[in-house]
Amino acid sequence: MADGDVETFDKRGQWVNRVVGEPERSSSFSSRDEAIEAGAALAAELGTAHVVHDAEPTGAITDQDTDA
């Protein structure tokens, strides 16, 4: 992926849009559809590619840093 491209992926049950080379533009969403829509709009605004990395839905947002 080139700098400026937008990728949408699952991160422990939360969907994230990341702009390659611009981490300050990253954003997260609770739903896949919302993230894909926002990622496509951002890529269109930037004039770059948008890539969606599919993942199996888990139905839960998890925090691996939680002490149990």
PDB file of N, CA and C in Angstrom:
ATOM      1  N   MET A   1       0.837  -1.177   0.000  1.00  0.00           N
ATOM      2  CA  MET A   1       0.000   0.000   0.000  1.00  0.00           C
ATOM      3  C   MET A   1       0.886   1.246   0.000  1.00  0.00           C
ATOM      4  N   ALA A   2       0.411   2.262  -0.687  1.00  0.00           N
ATOM      5  CA  ALA A   2       1.175   3.506  -0.804  1.00  0.00           C
ATOM      6  C   ALA A   2       0.740   4.507   0.263  1.00  0.00           C
ATOM      7  N   ASP A   3       1.631   5.440   0.571  1.00  0.00           N
ATOM      8  CA  ASP A   3       1.278   6.501   1.504  1.00  0.00           C
ATOM      9  C   ASP A   3      -0.006   7.181   1.037  1.00  0.00           C
ATOM     10  N   GLY A   4      -0.908   7.422   1.977  1.00  0.00           N
ATOM     11  CA  GLY A   4      -2.179   8.059   1.679  1.00  0.00           C
ATOM     12  C   GLY A   4      -3.308   7.092   1.435  1.00  0.00           C
ATOM     13  N   ASP A   5      -2.998   5.826   1.110  1.00  0.00           N
ATOM     14  CA  ASP A   5      -4.055   4.834   0.930  1.00  0.00           C
ATOM     15  C   ASP A   5      -4.769   4.599   2.257  1.00  0.00           C
ATOM     16  N   VAL A   6      -6.048   4.268   2.171  1.00  0.00           N
ATOM     17  CA  VAL A   6      -6.865   4.018   3.358  1.00  0.00           C
ATOM     18  C   VAL A   6      -7.136   2.526   3.450  1.00  0.00           C
ATOM     19  N   GLU A   7      -6.888   1.952   4.629  1.00  0.00           N
ATOM     20  CA  GLU A   7      -7.233   0.550   4.834  1.00  0.00           C
ATOM     21  C   GLU A   7      -8.193   0.445   6.004  1.00  0.00           C
ATOM     22  N   THR A   8      -9.174  -0.444   5.850  1.00  0.00           N
ATOM     23  CA  THR A   8     -10.183  -0.698   6.865  1.00  0.00           C
ATOM     24  C   THR A   8      -9.998  -2.133   7.337  1.00  0.00           C
ATOM     25  N   PHE A   9      -9.891  -2.310   8.661  1.00  0.00           N
ATOM     26  CA  PHE A   9      -9.645  -3.648   9.197  1.00  0.00           C
ATOM     27  C   PHE A   9     -10.227  -3.780  10.595  1.00  0.00           C
ATOM     28  N   ASP A  10     -10.396  -5.032  11.017  1.00  0.00           N
ATOM     29  CA  ASP A  10     -10.900  -5.351  12.345  1.00  0.00           C
ATOM     30  C   ASP A  10      -9.735  -5.398  13.338  1.00  0.00           C
ATOM     31  N   LYS A  11      -9.924  -4.742  14.471  1.00  0.00           N
ATOM     32  CA  LYS A  11      -8.906  -4.754  15.525  1.00  0.00           C
ATOM     33  C   LYS A  11      -9.615  -5.084  16.836  1.00  0.00           C
ATOM     34  N   ARG A  12      -9.567  -6.360  17.202  1.00  0.00           N
ATOM     35  CA  ARG A  12     -10.193  -6.857  18.436  1.00  0.00           C
ATOM     36  C   ARG A  12     -11.666  -6.467  18.542  1.00  0.00           C
ATOM     37  N   GLY A  13     -12.391  -6.612  17.429  1.00  0.00           N
ATOM     38  CA  GLY A  13     -13.826  -6.369  17.436  1.00  0.00           C
ATOM     39  C   GLY A  13     -14.234  -4.952  17.099  1.00  0.00           C
ATOM     40  N   GLN A  14     -13.277  -4.074  16.936  1.00  0.00           N
ATOM     41  CA  GLN A  14     -13.568  -2.701  16.546  1.00  0.00           C
ATOM     42  C   GLN A  14     -12.996  -2.487  15.149  1.00  0.00           C
ATOM     43  N   TRP A  15     -13.714  -1.773  14.289  1.00  0.00           N
ATOM     44  CA  TRP A  15     -13.261  -1.540  12.933  1.00  0.00           C
ATOM     45  C   TRP A  15     -12.486  -0.243  12.852  1.00  0.00           C
ATOM     46  N   VAL A  16     -11.350  -0.275  12.194  1.00  0.00           N
ATOM     47  CA  VAL A  16     -10.435   0.856  12.152  1.00  0.00           C
ATOM     48  C   VAL A  16     -10.162   1.251  10.706  1.00  0.00           C
ATOM     49  N   ASN A  17     -10.121   2.560  10.470  1.00  0.00           N
ATOM     50  CA  ASN A  17      -9.627   3.107   9.206  1.00  0.00           C
ATOM     51  C   ASN A  17      -8.275   3.712   9.492  1.00  0.00           C
ATOM     52  N   ARG A  18      -7.285   3.315   8.696  1.00  0.00           N
ATOM     53  CA  ARG A  18      -5.934   3.824   8.872  1.00  0.00           C
ATOM     54  C   ARG A  18      -5.457   4.388   7.543  1.00  0.00           C
ATOM     55  N   VAL A  19      -4.891   5.589   7.608  1.00  0.00           N
ATOM     56  CA  VAL A  19      -4.294   6.190   6.423  1.00  0.00           C
ATOM     57  C   VAL A  19      -2.796   5.891   6.485  1.00  0.00           C
ATOM     58  N   VAL A  20      -2.295   5.179   5.488  1.00  0.00           N
ATOM     59  CA  VAL A  20      -0.890   4.792   5.458  1.00  0.00           C
ATOM     60  C   VAL A  20      -0.016   6.051   5.458  1.00  0.00           C
ATOM     61  N   GLY A  21       0.903   6.117   6.434  1.00  0.00           N
ATOM     62  CA  GLY A  21       1.814   7.240   6.538  1.00  0.00           C
ATOM     63  C   GLY A  21       1.253   8.435   7.289  1.00  0.00           C
ATOM     64  N   GLU A  22      -0.007   8.375   7.704  1.00  0.00           N
ATOM     65  CA  GLU A  22      -0.634   9.481   8.430  1.00  0.00           C
ATOM     66  C   GLU A  22      -1.461   8.927   9.603  1.00  0.00           C
ATOM     67  N   PRO A  23      -0.801   8.408  10.643  1.00  0.00           N
ATOM     68  CA  PRO A  23      -1.534   7.778  11.744  1.00  0.00           C
ATOM     69  C   PRO A  23      -2.496   8.722  12.466  1.00  0.00           C
ATOM     70  N   GLU A  24      -2.265  10.019  12.392  1.00  0.00           N
ATOM     71  CA  GLU A  24      -3.158  10.976  13.047  1.00  0.00           C
ATOM     72  C   GLU A  24      -4.547  10.995  12.405  1.00  0.00           C
ATOM     73  N   ARG A  25      -4.689  10.443  11.206  1.00  0.00           N
ATOM     74  CA  ARG A  25      -5.981  10.393  10.519  1.00  0.00           C
ATOM     75  C   ARG A  25      -6.734   9.100  10.795  1.00  0.00           C
ATOM     76  N   SER A  26      -6.205   8.229  11.637  1.00  0.00           N
ATOM     77  CA  SER A  26      -6.874   6.971  11.965  1.00  0.00           C
ATOM     78  C   SER A  26      -8.154   7.247  12.734  1.00  0.00           C
ATOM     79  N   SER A  27      -9.141   6.376  12.529  1.00  0.00           N
ATOM     80  CA  SER A  27     -10.400   6.489  13.255  1.00  0.00           C
ATOM     81  C   SER A  27     -10.970   5.095  13.453  1.00  0.00           C
ATOM     82  N   SER A  28     -11.823   4.931  14.476  1.00  0.00           N
ATOM     83  CA  SER A  28     -12.387   3.620  14.750  1.00  0.00           C
ATOM     84  C   SER A  28     -13.903   3.701  14.813  1.00  0.00           C
ATOM     85  N   PHE A  29     -14.532   2.556  14.552  1.00  0.00           N
ATOM     86  CA  PHE A  29     -15.988   2.454  14.456  1.00  0.00           C
ATOM     87  C   PHE A  29     -16.440   1.143  15.081  1.00  0.00           C
ATOM     88  N   SER A  30     -17.656   1.129  15.584  1.00  0.00           N
ATOM     89  CA  SER A  30     -18.168  -0.105  16.189  1.00  0.00           C
ATOM     90  C   SER A  30     -18.751  -1.050  15.138  1.00  0.00           C
ATOM     91  N   SER A  31     -19.068  -0.530  13.943  1.00  0.00           N
ATOM     92  CA  SER A  31     -19.616  -1.421  12.921  1.00  0.00           C
ATOM     93  C   SER A  31     -18.753  -1.425  11.659  1.00  0.00           C
ATOM     94  N   ARG A  32     -18.724  -2.563  11.017  1.00  0.00           N
ATOM     95  CA  ARG A  32     -17.961  -2.748   9.780  1.00  0.00           C
ATOM     96  C   ARG A  32     -18.491  -1.830   8.687  1.00  0.00           C
ATOM     97  N   ASP A  33     -19.808  -1.803   8.519  1.00  0.00           N
ATOM     98  CA  ASP A  33     -20.413  -1.009   7.456  1.00  0.00           C
ATOM     99  C   ASP A  33     -20.096   0.476   7.613  1.00  0.00           C
ATOM    100  N   GLU A  34     -20.175   0.978   8.836  1.00  0.00           N
ATOM    101  CA  GLU A  34     -19.873   2.382   9.103  1.00  0.00           C
ATOM    102  C   GLU A  34     -18.413   2.689   8.759  1.00  0.00           C
ATOM    103  N   ALA A  35     -17.515   1.787   9.131  1.00  0.00           N
ATOM    104  CA  ALA A  35     -16.091   1.989   8.850  1.00  0.00           C
ATOM    105  C   ALA A  35     -15.817   1.965   7.352  1.00  0.00           C
ATOM    106  N   ILE A  36     -16.442   1.044   6.643  1.00  0.00           N
ATOM    107  CA  ILE A  36     -16.231   0.948   5.200  1.00  0.00           C
ATOM    108  C   ILE A  36     -16.741   2.205   4.497  1.00  0.00           C
ATOM    109  N   GLU A  37     -17.911   2.681   4.901  1.00  0.00           N
ATOM    110  CA  GLU A  37     -18.464   3.895   4.294  1.00  0.00           C
ATOM    111  C   GLU A  37     -17.545   5.096   4.541  1.00  0.00           C
ATOM    112  N   ALA A  38     -17.088   5.243   5.776  1.00  0.00           N
ATOM    113  CA  ALA A  38     -16.200   6.359   6.113  1.00  0.00           C
ATOM    114  C   ALA A  38     -14.843   6.216   5.418  1.00  0.00           C
ATOM    115  N   GLY A  39     -14.324   4.999   5.350  1.00  0.00           N
ATOM    116  CA  GLY A  39     -13.041   4.765   4.690  1.00  0.00           C
ATOM    117  C   GLY A  39     -13.100   5.072   3.200  1.00  0.00           C
ATOM    118  N   ALA A  40     -14.193   4.678   2.558  1.00  0.00           N
ATOM    119  CA  ALA A  40     -14.355   4.958   1.129  1.00  0.00           C
ATOM    120  C   ALA A  40     -14.454   6.465   0.888  1.00  0.00           C
ATOM    121  N   ALA A  41     -15.188   7.165   1.754  1.00  0.00           N
ATOM    122  CA  ALA A  41     -15.330   8.612   1.612  1.00  0.00           C
ATOM    123  C   ALA A  41     -13.988   9.310   1.810  1.00  0.00           C
ATOM    124  N   LEU A  42     -13.217   8.859   2.792  1.00  0.00           N
ATOM    125  CA  LEU A  42     -11.909   9.462   3.047  1.00  0.00           C
ATOM    126  C   LEU A  42     -10.959   9.220   1.878  1.00  0.00           C
ATOM    127  N   ALA A  43     -10.953   7.997   1.351  1.00  0.00           N
ATOM    128  CA  ALA A  43     -10.091   7.698   0.206  1.00  0.00           C
ATOM    129  C   ALA A  43     -10.486   8.538  -1.007  1.00  0.00           C
ATOM    130  N   ALA A  44     -11.775   8.734  -1.224  1.00  0.00           N
ATOM    131  CA  ALA A  44     -12.234   9.563  -2.343  1.00  0.00           C
ATOM    132  C   ALA A  44     -11.779  11.007  -2.146  1.00  0.00           C
ATOM    133  N   GLU A  45     -11.874  11.490  -0.911  1.00  0.00           N
ATOM    134  CA  GLU A  45     -11.437  12.851  -0.599  1.00  0.00           C
ATOM    135  C   GLU A  45      -9.933  13.031  -0.851  1.00  0.00           C
ATOM    136  N   LEU A  46      -9.158  11.998  -0.483  1.00  0.00           N
ATOM    137  CA  LEU A  46      -7.708  12.054  -0.635  1.00  0.00           C
ATOM    138  C   LEU A  46      -7.246  11.693  -2.044  1.00  0.00           C
ATOM    139  N   GLY A  47      -8.145  11.080  -2.832  1.00  0.00           N
ATOM    140  CA  GLY A  47      -7.777  10.628  -4.169  1.00  0.00           C
ATOM    141  C   GLY A  47      -6.870   9.418  -4.144  1.00  0.00           C
ATOM    142  N   THR A  48      -7.081   8.541  -3.141  1.00  0.00           N
ATOM    143  CA  THR A  48      -6.241   7.352  -2.974  1.00  0.00           C
ATOM    144  C   THR A  48      -7.089   6.083  -2.980  1.00  0.00           C
ATOM    145  N   ALA A  49      -6.434   4.949  -2.839  1.00  0.00           N
ATOM    146  CA  ALA A  49      -7.113   3.656  -2.824  1.00  0.00           C
ATOM    147  C   ALA A  49      -7.695   3.356  -1.445  1.00  0.00           C
ATOM    148  N   HIS A  50      -8.757   2.548  -1.428  1.00  0.00           N
ATOM    149  CA  HIS A  50      -9.358   2.070  -0.181  1.00  0.00           C
ATOM    150  C   HIS A  50      -9.378   0.547  -0.238  1.00  0.00           C
ATOM    151  N   VAL A  51      -8.780  -0.085   0.762  1.00  0.00           N
ATOM    152  CA  VAL A  51      -8.705  -1.542   0.833  1.00  0.00           C
ATOM    153  C   VAL A  51      -9.373  -2.000   2.123  1.00  0.00           C
ATOM    154  N   VAL A  52     -10.274  -2.988   2.015  1.00  0.00           N
ATOM    155  CA  VAL A  52     -10.947  -3.546   3.184  1.00  0.00           C
ATOM    156  C   VAL A  52     -10.380  -4.940   3.433  1.00  0.00           C
ATOM    157  N   HIS A  53      -9.879  -5.161   4.652  1.00  0.00           N
ATOM    158  CA  HIS A  53      -9.383  -6.470   5.056  1.00  0.00           C
ATOM    159  C   HIS A  53     -10.515  -7.149   5.816  1.00  0.00           C
ATOM    160  N   ASP A  54     -11.096  -8.193   5.228  1.00  0.00           N
ATOM    161  CA  ASP A  54     -12.214  -8.882   5.858  1.00  0.00           C
ATOM    162  C   ASP A  54     -11.777  -9.684   7.059  1.00  0.00           C
ATOM    163  N   ALA A  55     -12.703  -9.831   8.007  1.00  0.00           N
ATOM    164  CA  ALA A  55     -12.459 -10.625   9.208  1.00  0.00           C
ATOM    165  C   ALA A  55     -13.779 -11.248   9.641  1.00  0.00           C
ATOM    166  N   GLU A  56     -13.694 -12.356  10.322  1.00  0.00           N
ATOM    167  CA  GLU A  56     -14.888 -12.998  10.852  1.00  0.00           C
ATOM    168  C   GLU A  56     -15.463 -12.142  11.972  1.00  0.00           C
ATOM    169  N   PRO A  57     -16.773 -11.864  11.955  1.00  0.00           N
ATOM    170  CA  PRO A  57     -17.366 -11.077  13.033  1.00  0.00           C
ATOM    171  C   PRO A  57     -17.363 -11.857  14.338  1.00  0.00           C
ATOM    172  N   THR A  58     -16.985 -11.176  15.423  1.00  0.00           N
ATOM    173  CA  THR A  58     -16.970 -11.833  16.729  1.00  0.00           C
ATOM    174  C   THR A  58     -18.151 -11.411  17.577  1.00  0.00           C
ATOM    175  N   GLY A  59     -18.740 -10.249  17.263  1.00  0.00           N
ATOM    176  CA  GLY A  59     -19.875  -9.770  18.040  1.00  0.00           C
ATOM    177  C   GLY A  59     -19.486  -9.090  19.331  1.00  0.00           C
ATOM    178  N   ALA A  60     -18.187  -8.959  19.600  1.00  0.00           N
ATOM    179  CA  ALA A  60     -17.753  -8.344  20.853  1.00  0.00           C
ATOM    180  C   ALA A  60     -16.492  -7.524  20.635  1.00  0.00           C
ATOM    181  N   ILE A  61     -16.455  -6.382  21.300  1.00  0.00           N
ATOM    182  CA  ILE A  61     -15.244  -5.571  21.314  1.00  0.00           C
ATOM    183  C   ILE A  61     -14.472  -5.966  22.558  1.00  0.00           C
ATOM    184  N   THR A  62     -13.229  -6.327  22.384  1.00  0.00           N
ATOM    185  CA  THR A  62     -12.438  -6.793  23.523  1.00  0.00           C
ATOM    186  C   THR A  62     -11.254  -5.888  23.767  1.00  0.00           C
ATOM    187  N   ASP A  63     -10.792  -5.885  24.982  1.00  0.00           N
ATOM    188  CA  ASP A  63      -9.608  -5.120  25.371  1.00  0.00           C
ATOM    189  C   ASP A  63      -8.616  -6.105  25.967  1.00  0.00           C
ATOM    190  N   GLN A  64      -7.550  -6.377  25.256  1.00  0.00           N
ATOM    191  CA  GLN A  64      -6.593  -7.372  25.717  1.00  0.00           C
ATOM    192  C   GLN A  64      -5.812  -6.917  26.941  1.00  0.00           C
ATOM    193  N   ASP A  65      -5.867  -5.634  27.281  1.00  0.00           N
ATOM    194  CA  ASP A  65      -5.116  -5.127  28.420  1.00  0.00           C
ATOM    195  C   ASP A  65      -5.897  -5.182  29.731  1.00  0.00           C
ATOM    196  N   THR A  66      -7.102  -5.745  29.708  1.00  0.00           N
ATOM    197  CA  THR A  66      -7.941  -5.808  30.900  1.00  0.00           C
ATOM    198  C   THR A  66      -7.408  -6.840  31.874  1.00  0.00           C
ATOM    199  N   ASP A  67      -7.261  -6.442  33.158  1.00  0.00           N
ATOM    200  CA  ASP A  67      -6.872  -7.390  34.199  1.00  0.00           C
ATOM    201  C   ASP A  67      -8.108  -8.125  34.657  1.00  0.00           C
ATOM    202  N   ALA A  68      -8.059  -9.436  34.653  1.00  0.00           N
ATOM    203  CA  ALA A  68      -9.231 -10.229  35.044  1.00  0.00           C
ATOM    204  C   ALA A  68      -9.018 -10.883  36.372  1.00  0.00           C
TER     205      ALA A  68
END
